[in-house]
C-alpha atoms as a PDB file:
ATOM      1  CA  MET A   1     -21.945  -9.957  60.865  1.00  0.00           C
ATOM      2  CA  PRO A   2     -18.743  -9.193  58.957  1.00  0.00           C
ATOM      3  CA  LEU A   3     -18.213 -13.230  59.351  1.00  0.00           C
ATOM      4  CA  ILE A   4     -21.153 -13.804  57.018  1.00  0.00           C
ATOM      5  CA  ILE A   5     -20.283 -11.646  54.355  1.00  0.00           C
ATOM      6  CA  THR A   6     -16.835 -12.274  53.668  1.00  0.00           C
ATOM      7  CA  GLN A   7     -17.175 -15.970  54.054  1.00  0.00           C
ATOM      8  CA  PRO A   8     -18.614 -16.247  50.514  1.00  0.00           C
ATOM      9  CA  LEU A   9     -16.723 -13.440  49.252  1.00  0.00           C
ATOM     10  CA  LEU A  10     -13.465 -15.518  50.018  1.00  0.00           C
ATOM     11  CA  ILE A  11     -15.187 -18.714  48.814  1.00  0.00           C
ATOM     12  CA  CYS A  12     -15.698 -16.594  45.743  1.00  0.00           C
ATOM     13  CA  TYR A  13     -12.605 -15.734  45.410  1.00  0.00           C
ATOM     14  CA  LEU A  14     -10.593 -18.811  46.017  1.00  0.00           C
ATOM     15  CA  PHE A  15     -13.269 -20.393  43.230  1.00  0.00           C
ATOM     16  CA  PHE A  16     -12.259 -17.726  40.437  1.00  0.00           C
ATOM     17  CA  SER A  17      -8.408 -17.802  41.937  1.00  0.00           C
ATOM     18  CA  PHE A  18      -7.945 -21.647  40.972  1.00  0.00           C
ATOM     19  CA  ASN A  19     -10.604 -21.700  37.872  1.00  0.00           C
ATOM     20  CA  ALA A  20      -8.144 -19.135  36.153  1.00  0.00           C
ATOM     21  CA  ALA A  21      -5.521 -21.113  35.427  1.00  0.00           C
ATOM     22  CA  LYS A  22      -8.449 -23.289  33.207  1.00  0.00           C
ATOM     23  CA  ILE A  23      -9.505 -20.527  30.936  1.00  0.00           C
ATOM     24  CA  PRO A  24      -8.537 -21.028  27.660  1.00  0.00           C
ATOM     25  CA  GLU A  25      -5.741 -18.633  26.912  1.00  0.00           C
ATOM     26  CA  ALA A  26      -7.487 -16.905  23.487  1.00  0.00           C
ATOM     27  CA  SER A  27     -10.700 -15.834  26.002  1.00  0.00           C
ATOM     28  CA  LYS A  28      -7.792 -14.435  28.095  1.00  0.00           C
ATOM     29  CA  ARG A  29      -6.774 -12.194  25.539  1.00  0.00           C
ATOM     30  CA  HIS A  30      -8.087  -8.789  25.105  1.00  0.00           C
ATOM     31  CA  PRO A  31     -11.403  -8.209  23.841  1.00  0.00           C
ATOM     32  CA  PHE A  32     -11.483  -5.976  21.187  1.00  0.00           C
ATOM     33  CA  HIS A  33      -9.806  -5.694  17.456  1.00  0.00           C
ATOM     34  CA  LEU A  34      -8.187  -2.778  17.484  1.00  0.00           C
ATOM     35  CA  SER A  35      -5.636  -1.217  15.284  1.00  0.00           C
ATOM     36  CA  SER A  36      -4.489   2.961  14.874  1.00  0.00           C
ATOM     37  CA  THR A  37      -2.833   4.034  11.624  1.00  0.00           C
ATOM     38  CA  GLU A  38      -1.258   7.286  11.687  1.00  0.00           C
ATOM     39  CA  LEU A  39      -0.821   9.180   8.525  1.00  0.00           C
ATOM     40  CA  ASN A  40       1.562  12.414   8.478  1.00  0.00           C
ATOM     41  CA  TYR A  41       1.988  14.268   5.231  1.00  0.00           C
ATOM     42  CA  ASN A  42       6.113  15.433   5.667  1.00  0.00           C
ATOM     43  CA  ALA A  43       5.443  18.643   3.211  1.00  0.00           C
ATOM     44  CA  LYS A  44       9.463  19.096   3.206  1.00  0.00           C
ATOM     45  CA  GLU A  45       9.932  15.588   2.203  1.00  0.00           C
ATOM     46  CA  SER A  46       6.541  15.048  -0.169  1.00  0.00           C
ATOM     47  CA  THR A  47       6.099  12.284   1.375  1.00  0.00           C
ATOM     48  CA  VAL A  48       3.304  10.204   3.176  1.00  0.00           C
ATOM     49  CA  GLU A  49       4.796   8.523   6.253  1.00  0.00           C
ATOM     50  CA  LEU A  50       2.365   6.266   7.863  1.00  0.00           C
ATOM     51  CA  SER A  51       2.781   4.553  11.368  1.00  0.00           C
ATOM     52  CA  CYS A  52       0.351   1.439  12.117  1.00  0.00           C
ATOM     53  CA  ARG A  53      -0.339   0.129  15.478  1.00  0.00           C
ATOM     54  CA  VAL A  54      -1.088  -3.384  16.065  1.00  0.00           C
ATOM     55  CA  PHE A  55      -2.173  -5.504  18.836  1.00  0.00           C
ATOM     56  CA  THR A  56       1.305  -8.415  18.384  1.00  0.00           C
ATOM     57  CA  ASP A  57      -1.378 -11.388  19.245  1.00  0.00           C
ATOM     58  CA  ASP A  58      -3.390 -10.299  16.492  1.00  0.00           C
ATOM     59  CA  LEU A  59      -0.493  -9.685  13.866  1.00  0.00           C
ATOM     60  CA  GLU A  60       0.903 -12.475  14.922  1.00  0.00           C
ATOM     61  CA  ALA A  61      -2.249 -14.515  14.137  1.00  0.00           C
ATOM     62  CA  ALA A  62      -2.498 -13.125  11.176  1.00  0.00           C
ATOM     63  CA  LEU A  63       1.109 -13.964   9.957  1.00  0.00           C
ATOM     64  CA  ALA A  64       0.108 -17.075  11.511  1.00  0.00           C
ATOM     65  CA  LYS A  65      -3.419 -18.202   9.069  1.00  0.00           C
ATOM     66  CA  ASN A  66      -2.015 -15.848   5.862  1.00  0.00           C
ATOM     67  CA  TYR A  67       2.299 -17.520   5.915  1.00  0.00           C
ATOM     68  CA  LYS A  68       1.395 -20.644   7.680  1.00  0.00           C
ATOM     69  CA  ILE A  69       4.379 -20.242  10.379  1.00  0.00           C
ATOM     70  CA  LYS A  70       4.760 -19.476  13.638  1.00  0.00           C
ATOM     71  CA  ALA A  71       4.768 -16.140  14.029  1.00  0.00           C
ATOM     72  CA  ASP A  72       6.844 -14.605  17.052  1.00  0.00           C
ATOM     73  CA  LEU A  73       7.061 -10.645  16.934  1.00  0.00           C
ATOM     74  CA  SER A  74       8.228 -10.991  20.152  1.00  0.00           C
ATOM     75  CA  ALA A  75      11.965 -12.321  19.846  1.00  0.00           C
ATOM     76  CA  GLU A  76      15.124 -10.680  18.621  1.00  0.00           C
ATOM     77  CA  SER A  77      16.527 -13.781  17.416  1.00  0.00           C
ATOM     78  CA  GLN A  78      13.125 -14.057  14.994  1.00  0.00           C
ATOM     79  CA  HIS A  79      12.916 -10.064  14.223  1.00  0.00           C
ATOM     80  CA  LYS A  80      14.702 -10.377  10.895  1.00  0.00           C
ATOM     81  CA  THR A  81      12.630 -13.168   9.957  1.00  0.00           C
ATOM     82  CA  MET A  82       9.407 -12.127  11.025  1.00  0.00           C
ATOM     83  CA  ASP A  83      10.474  -8.511   9.101  1.00  0.00           C
ATOM     84  CA  VAL A  84       9.758  -9.778   6.002  1.00  0.00           C
ATOM     85  CA  PHE A  85       6.703 -11.471   6.435  1.00  0.00           C
ATOM     86  CA  VAL A  86       5.547  -7.870   8.034  1.00  0.00           C
ATOM     87  CA  LYS A  87       6.067  -6.282   5.607  1.00  0.00           C
ATOM     88  CA  ARG A  88       4.203  -8.362   2.879  1.00  0.00           C
ATOM     89  CA  TYR A  89       0.858  -8.399   5.075  1.00  0.00           C
ATOM     90  CA  ALA A  90       1.263  -4.801   5.595  1.00  0.00           C
ATOM     91  CA  LEU A  91       1.825  -3.863   1.874  1.00  0.00           C
ATOM     92  CA  ALA A  92      -0.892  -6.208   1.233  1.00  0.00           C
ATOM     93  CA  ASN A  93      -3.800  -4.157   3.373  1.00  0.00           C
ATOM     94  CA  LEU A  94      -2.557  -1.232   3.263  1.00  0.00           C
ATOM     95  CA  ALA A  95      -2.300   1.166   0.093  1.00  0.00           C
ATOM     96  CA  LEU A  96      -2.469   4.985  -0.588  1.00  0.00           C
ATOM     97  CA  MET A  97      -4.052   7.017  -3.103  1.00  0.00           C
ATOM     98  CA  GLY A  98      -2.390  11.099  -3.313  1.00  0.00           C
ATOM     99  CA  ASN A  99      -4.397  13.361  -5.820  1.00  0.00           C
ATOM    100  CA  SER A 100      -5.893  10.137  -7.531  1.00  0.00           C
ATOM    101  CA  LYS A 101      -3.007   8.372  -8.296  1.00  0.00           C
ATOM    102  CA  PRO A 102      -1.213   5.566  -6.340  1.00  0.00           C
ATOM    103  CA  LEU A 103       1.792   5.843  -4.221  1.00  0.00           C
ATOM    104  CA  ALA A 104       3.744   3.050  -3.899  1.00  0.00           C
ATOM    105  CA  LEU A 105       4.843   2.772  -0.414  1.00  0.00           C
ATOM    106  CA  ASN A 106       7.926   1.510   0.865  1.00  0.00           C
ATOM    107  CA  TYR A 107       8.050  -0.143   3.989  1.00  0.00           C
ATOM    108  CA  LEU A 108      10.926   0.464   6.880  1.00  0.00           C
ATOM    109  CA  GLY A 109      10.558  -1.754   9.377  1.00  0.00           C
ATOM    110  CA  PHE A 110       8.537  -2.873  12.642  1.00  0.00           C
ATOM    111  CA  GLU A 111       9.057  -2.852  16.312  1.00  0.00           C
ATOM    112  CA  LYS A 112       7.544  -4.366  19.490  1.00  0.00           C
ATOM    113  CA  ASP A 113       6.270  -1.347  21.533  1.00  0.00           C
ATOM    114  CA  ASN A 114       5.099  -3.336  25.078  1.00  0.00           C
ATOM    115  CA  GLU A 115       1.855  -4.997  24.188  1.00  0.00           C
ATOM    116  CA  ALA A 116       1.350  -3.608  20.309  1.00  0.00           C
ATOM    117  CA  VAL A 117       3.424  -3.893  17.394  1.00  0.00           C
ATOM    118  CA  ILE A 118       3.875  -0.610  15.304  1.00  0.00           C
ATOM    119  CA  ILE A 119       4.810  -1.035  11.920  1.00  0.00           C
ATOM    120  CA  TYR A 120       6.577   1.441   9.551  1.00  0.00           C
ATOM    121  CA  LEU A 121       5.907   2.681   5.789  1.00  0.00           C
ATOM    122  CA  GLU A 122       6.501   5.976   3.885  1.00  0.00           C
ATOM    123  CA  SER A 123       5.238   7.029   0.740  1.00  0.00           C
ATOM    124  CA  VAL A 124       6.825   8.050  -2.583  1.00  0.00           C
ATOM    125  CA  GLN A 125       7.083  11.906  -2.874  1.00  0.00           C
ATOM    126  CA  ILE A 126       3.379  12.932  -3.705  1.00  0.00           C
ATOM    127  CA  LYS A 127       4.073  16.973  -4.554  1.00  0.00           C
ATOM    128  CA  GLY A 128       1.032  19.611  -3.625  1.00  0.00           C
ATOM    129  CA  LEU A 129      -1.356  16.630  -1.990  1.00  0.00           C
ATOM    130  CA  LYS A 130      -4.692  17.509  -1.825  1.00  0.00           C
ATOM    131  CA  LYS A 131      -6.474  14.339  -1.455  1.00  0.00           C
ATOM    132  CA  LEU A 132      -5.251  11.296   0.249  1.00  0.00           C
ATOM    133  CA  GLU A 133      -6.879   8.453  -0.224  1.00  0.00           C
ATOM    134  CA  THR A 134      -6.064   5.366   2.385  1.00  0.00           C
ATOM    135  CA  THR A 135      -6.904   1.490   1.736  1.00  0.00           C
ATOM    136  CA  ASN A 136      -6.825  -0.246   5.279  1.00  0.00           C
ATOM    137  CA  SER A 137      -7.674  -3.272   5.727  1.00  0.00           C
ATOM    138  CA  ILE A 138      -5.596  -4.827   8.558  1.00  0.00           C
ATOM    139  CA  LEU A 139      -6.906  -7.641  10.507  1.00  0.00           C
ATOM    140  CA  TYR A 140      -9.423  -7.945   8.593  1.00  0.00           C
ATOM    141  CA  ASP A 141      -8.802 -11.472   6.908  1.00  0.00           C
ATOM    142  CA  GLN A 142      -8.045 -12.481  11.337  1.00  0.00           C
ATOM    143  CA  TYR A 143     -11.835 -10.778  12.707  1.00  0.00           C
ATOM    144  CA  ASP A 144     -14.767  -9.222  11.606  1.00  0.00           C
ATOM    145  CA  ASP A 145     -15.453  -7.113  14.740  1.00  0.00           C
ATOM    146  CA  GLN A 146     -12.057  -5.467  13.336  1.00  0.00           C
ATOM    147  CA  SER A 147     -12.193  -1.289  13.722  1.00  0.00           C
ATOM    148  CA  ASN A 148      -9.044   0.797  12.545  1.00  0.00           C
ATOM    149  CA  ILE A 149      -9.220   4.477  13.476  1.00  0.00           C
ATOM    150  CA  ILE A 150      -7.023   6.590  10.796  1.00  0.00           C
ATOM    151  CA  HIS A 151      -4.884   9.659  11.967  1.00  0.00           C
ATOM    152  CA  VAL A 152      -4.629  11.777   8.975  1.00  0.00           C
ATOM    153  CA  THR A 153      -2.451  15.340   9.356  1.00  0.00           C
ATOM    154  CA  LYS A 154      -0.768  18.118   6.861  1.00  0.00           C
ATOM    155  CA  ASN A 155       0.127  21.079   7.995  1.00  0.00           C
ATOM    156  CA  GLY A 156      -0.531  20.459  11.956  1.00  0.00           C
ATOM    157  CA  LYS A 157      -4.691  20.204  10.955  1.00  0.00           C
ATOM    158  CA  ARG A 158      -5.546  16.644  12.012  1.00  0.00           C
ATOM    159  CA  LYS A 159      -8.345  14.003  10.673  1.00  0.00           C
ATOM    160  CA  SER A 160      -9.168  11.832  12.585  1.00  0.00           C
ATOM    161  CA  SER A 161     -11.750   8.562  11.293  1.00  0.00           C
ATOM    162  CA  LYS A 162     -12.645   5.012  12.073  1.00  0.00           C
ATOM    163  CA  LEU A 163     -13.141   2.005  10.254  1.00  0.00           C
ATOM    164  CA  ASP A 164     -14.899  -0.704  10.968  1.00  0.00           C
ATOM    165  CA  TYR A 165     -15.048  -3.910   9.005  1.00  0.00           C
ATOM    166  CA  PRO A 166     -15.872  -4.513   6.243  1.00  0.00           C
ATOM    167  CA  GLU A 167     -15.233  -0.704   5.990  1.00  0.00           C
ATOM    168  CA  LYS A 168     -12.001  -0.295   4.203  1.00  0.00           C
ATOM    169  CA  LYS A 169     -11.221   3.179   2.425  1.00  0.00           C
ATOM    170  CA  LEU A 170     -11.187   6.207   3.651  1.00  0.00           C
ATOM    171  CA  VAL A 171     -11.064   9.943   1.898  1.00  0.00           C
ATOM    172  CA  THR A 172      -9.412  12.582   3.136  1.00  0.00           C
ATOM    173  CA  GLU A 173      -9.405  15.922   1.369  1.00  0.00           C
ATOM    174  CA  PHE A 174      -7.515  19.431   2.386  1.00  0.00           C
END
Protein backbone atom coordinates (compact mmCIF):
# COMPACT_ATOMS: atom_id res chain seq x y z
CA MET A 1 0.00 0.00 0.00
CA PRO A 2 2.71 2.61 0.85
CA LEU A 3 4.32 1.92 -2.52
CA ILE A 4 1.16 2.96 -4.36
CA ILE A 5 0.87 6.21 -2.38
CA THR A 6 4.53 7.23 -2.64
CA GLN A 7 4.86 6.65 -6.38
CA PRO A 8 2.39 9.38 -7.38
CA LEU A 9 3.96 11.70 -4.82
CA LEU A 10 7.42 10.94 -6.17
CA ILE A 11 6.25 11.61 -9.73
CA CYS A 12 4.66 14.94 -8.69
CA TYR A 13 7.80 15.91 -6.78
CA LEU A 14 10.04 15.15 -9.76
CA PHE A 15 7.70 16.92 -12.19
CA PHE A 16 7.53 20.11 -10.14
CA SER A 17 11.25 20.04 -9.30
CA PHE A 18 12.29 19.89 -12.95
CA ASN A 19 9.69 22.41 -14.08
CA ALA A 20 10.49 24.96 -11.35
CA ALA A 21 13.39 26.19 -13.46
CA LYS A 22 10.94 27.01 -16.26
CA ILE A 23 8.77 29.32 -14.08
CA PRO A 24 9.26 32.94 -15.20
CA GLU A 25 11.43 34.99 -12.83
CA ALA A 26 8.66 37.54 -12.16
CA SER A 27 6.35 34.88 -10.73
CA LYS A 28 9.06 33.66 -8.31
CA ARG A 29 9.03 37.03 -6.54
CA HIS A 30 6.90 37.87 -3.57
CA PRO A 31 3.13 37.84 -4.21
CA PHE A 32 2.28 41.11 -2.43
CA HIS A 33 3.38 44.74 -2.67
CA LEU A 34 4.00 46.40 0.66
CA SER A 35 6.15 49.09 2.25
CA SER A 36 6.52 50.07 5.88
CA THR A 37 7.28 53.63 6.95
CA GLU A 38 8.30 54.64 10.47
CA LEU A 39 7.94 58.30 11.50
CA ASN A 40 9.39 59.25 14.87
CA TYR A 41 9.10 62.74 16.30
CA ASN A 42 12.40 63.55 17.99
CA ALA A 43 11.33 66.12 20.61
CA LYS A 44 14.92 66.97 21.53
CA GLU A 45 15.83 67.90 17.93
CA SER A 46 12.26 68.94 16.97
CA THR A 47 12.45 66.87 13.79
CA VAL A 48 10.56 63.96 12.28
CA GLU A 49 12.86 61.01 11.56
CA LEU A 50 11.58 58.84 8.75
CA SER A 51 12.61 55.37 7.59
CA CYS A 52 10.88 53.58 4.74
CA ARG A 53 11.37 49.85 4.16
CA VAL A 54 10.65 48.60 0.62
CA PHE A 55 11.27 45.29 -1.13
CA THR A 56 14.49 45.66 -3.12
CA ASP A 57 13.14 44.17 -6.36
CA ASP A 58 10.09 46.48 -6.30
CA LEU A 59 12.19 49.60 -5.76
CA GLU A 60 14.64 48.55 -8.48
CA ALA A 61 11.71 48.09 -10.88
CA ALA A 62 10.33 51.54 -10.01
CA LEU A 63 13.73 53.21 -10.45
CA ALA A 64 14.27 51.45 -13.78
CA LYS A 65 10.81 52.49 -15.01
CA ASN A 66 11.00 56.12 -13.82
CA TYR A 67 14.62 56.92 -14.61
CA LYS A 68 15.34 54.54 -17.51
CA ILE A 69 18.30 52.95 -15.72
CA LYS A 70 19.45 49.46 -14.83
CA ALA A 71 18.92 49.65 -11.09
CA ASP A 72 21.05 47.50 -8.81
CA LEU A 73 20.65 48.37 -5.14
CA SER A 74 22.67 45.38 -3.93
CA ALA A 75 26.00 46.13 -5.62
CA GLU A 76 28.27 48.12 -3.32
CA SER A 77 30.09 49.49 -6.37
CA GLN A 78 26.79 51.06 -7.56
CA HIS A 79 25.72 52.50 -4.19
CA LYS A 80 26.80 56.08 -4.92
CA THR A 81 25.05 56.11 -8.30
CA MET A 82 21.89 54.46 -6.94
CA ASP A 83 21.85 56.93 -4.03
CA VAL A 84 21.06 59.74 -6.48
CA PHE A 85 18.05 57.90 -7.91
CA VAL A 86 16.74 56.62 -4.56
CA LYS A 87 16.86 60.20 -3.27
CA ARG A 88 14.92 61.52 -6.28
CA TYR A 89 12.33 58.78 -5.96
CA ALA A 90 11.90 59.11 -2.19
CA LEU A 91 11.52 62.89 -2.28
CA ALA A 92 9.01 62.61 -5.14
CA ASN A 93 6.86 60.09 -3.25
CA LEU A 94 7.14 61.03 0.42
CA ALA A 95 6.02 64.36 1.89
CA LEU A 96 5.17 65.72 5.33
CA MET A 97 3.15 68.63 6.65
CA GLY A 98 3.48 69.57 10.30
CA ASN A 99 0.79 71.72 11.89
CA SER A 100 -0.55 72.42 8.35
CA LYS A 101 2.83 73.67 7.04
CA PRO A 102 4.99 71.78 4.51
CA LEU A 103 8.09 70.22 6.06
CA ALA A 104 11.14 69.94 3.84
CA LEU A 105 12.76 66.52 3.99
CA ASN A 106 16.50 65.91 3.99
CA TYR A 107 17.57 62.65 2.39
CA LEU A 108 20.11 60.84 4.57
CA GLY A 109 20.70 57.71 2.48
CA PHE A 110 19.66 54.11 2.04
CA GLU A 111 20.90 50.71 3.13
CA LYS A 112 20.23 47.16 2.04
CA ASP A 113 18.71 44.84 4.65
CA ASN A 114 18.23 41.27 3.37
CA GLU A 115 15.42 41.44 0.77
CA ALA A 116 14.59 45.07 1.56
CA VAL A 117 15.99 48.55 1.22
CA ILE A 118 15.59 51.07 4.03
CA ILE A 119 15.47 54.74 3.00
CA TYR A 120 16.27 57.36 5.65
CA LEU A 121 15.03 60.96 5.70
CA GLU A 122 14.67 63.69 8.31
CA SER A 123 12.43 66.75 8.37
CA VAL A 124 13.46 70.28 9.08
CA GLN A 125 12.67 71.44 12.61
CA ILE A 126 9.06 71.68 13.72
CA LYS A 127 8.43 72.75 17.30
CA GLY A 128 5.23 71.79 19.10
CA LEU A 129 4.06 69.16 16.60
CA LYS A 130 0.33 68.60 17.10
CA LYS A 131 -0.73 67.41 13.64
CA LEU A 132 1.29 65.45 11.07
CA GLU A 133 0.04 64.88 7.53
CA THR A 134 1.95 62.17 5.71
CA THR A 135 1.79 61.69 1.95
CA ASN A 136 3.15 58.32 0.85
CA SER A 137 2.81 57.16 -2.75
CA ILE A 138 5.81 54.81 -2.71
CA LEU A 139 5.44 52.27 -5.55
CA TYR A 140 1.97 53.53 -6.56
CA ASP A 141 3.49 54.20 -9.99
CA GLN A 142 4.49 50.54 -10.11
CA TYR A 143 1.60 48.52 -8.61
CA ASP A 144 -2.13 49.13 -8.27
CA ASP A 145 -2.31 46.70 -5.34
CA GLN A 146 0.38 48.50 -3.30
CA SER A 147 -0.17 48.94 0.44
CA ASN A 148 1.90 51.29 2.58
CA ILE A 149 1.89 50.78 6.33
CA ILE A 150 2.70 53.88 8.37
CA HIS A 151 3.72 53.98 12.02
CA VAL A 152 3.87 57.39 13.71
CA THR A 153 5.48 57.74 17.15
CA LYS A 154 5.54 60.80 19.39
CA ASN A 155 6.46 60.78 23.08
CA GLY A 156 6.40 56.97 23.10
CA LYS A 157 2.84 56.78 21.75
CA ARG A 158 2.59 54.88 18.49
CA LYS A 159 -0.25 55.13 15.97
CA SER A 160 -0.39 52.83 12.96
CA SER A 161 -2.37 52.89 9.77
CA LYS A 162 -2.40 51.35 6.30
CA LEU A 163 -2.81 53.18 3.01
CA ASP A 164 -4.01 51.09 0.07
CA TYR A 165 -3.58 52.31 -3.49
CA PRO A 166 -4.73 54.94 -4.50
CA GLU A 167 -5.10 56.41 -0.98
CA LYS A 168 -1.89 58.27 -0.14
CA LYS A 169 -2.60 60.74 2.69
CA LEU A 170 -2.68 60.07 6.41
CA VAL A 171 -3.40 62.68 9.08
CA THR A 172 -2.19 61.94 12.60
CA GLU A 173 -3.13 64.21 15.49
CA PHE A 174 -1.46 64.14 18.90
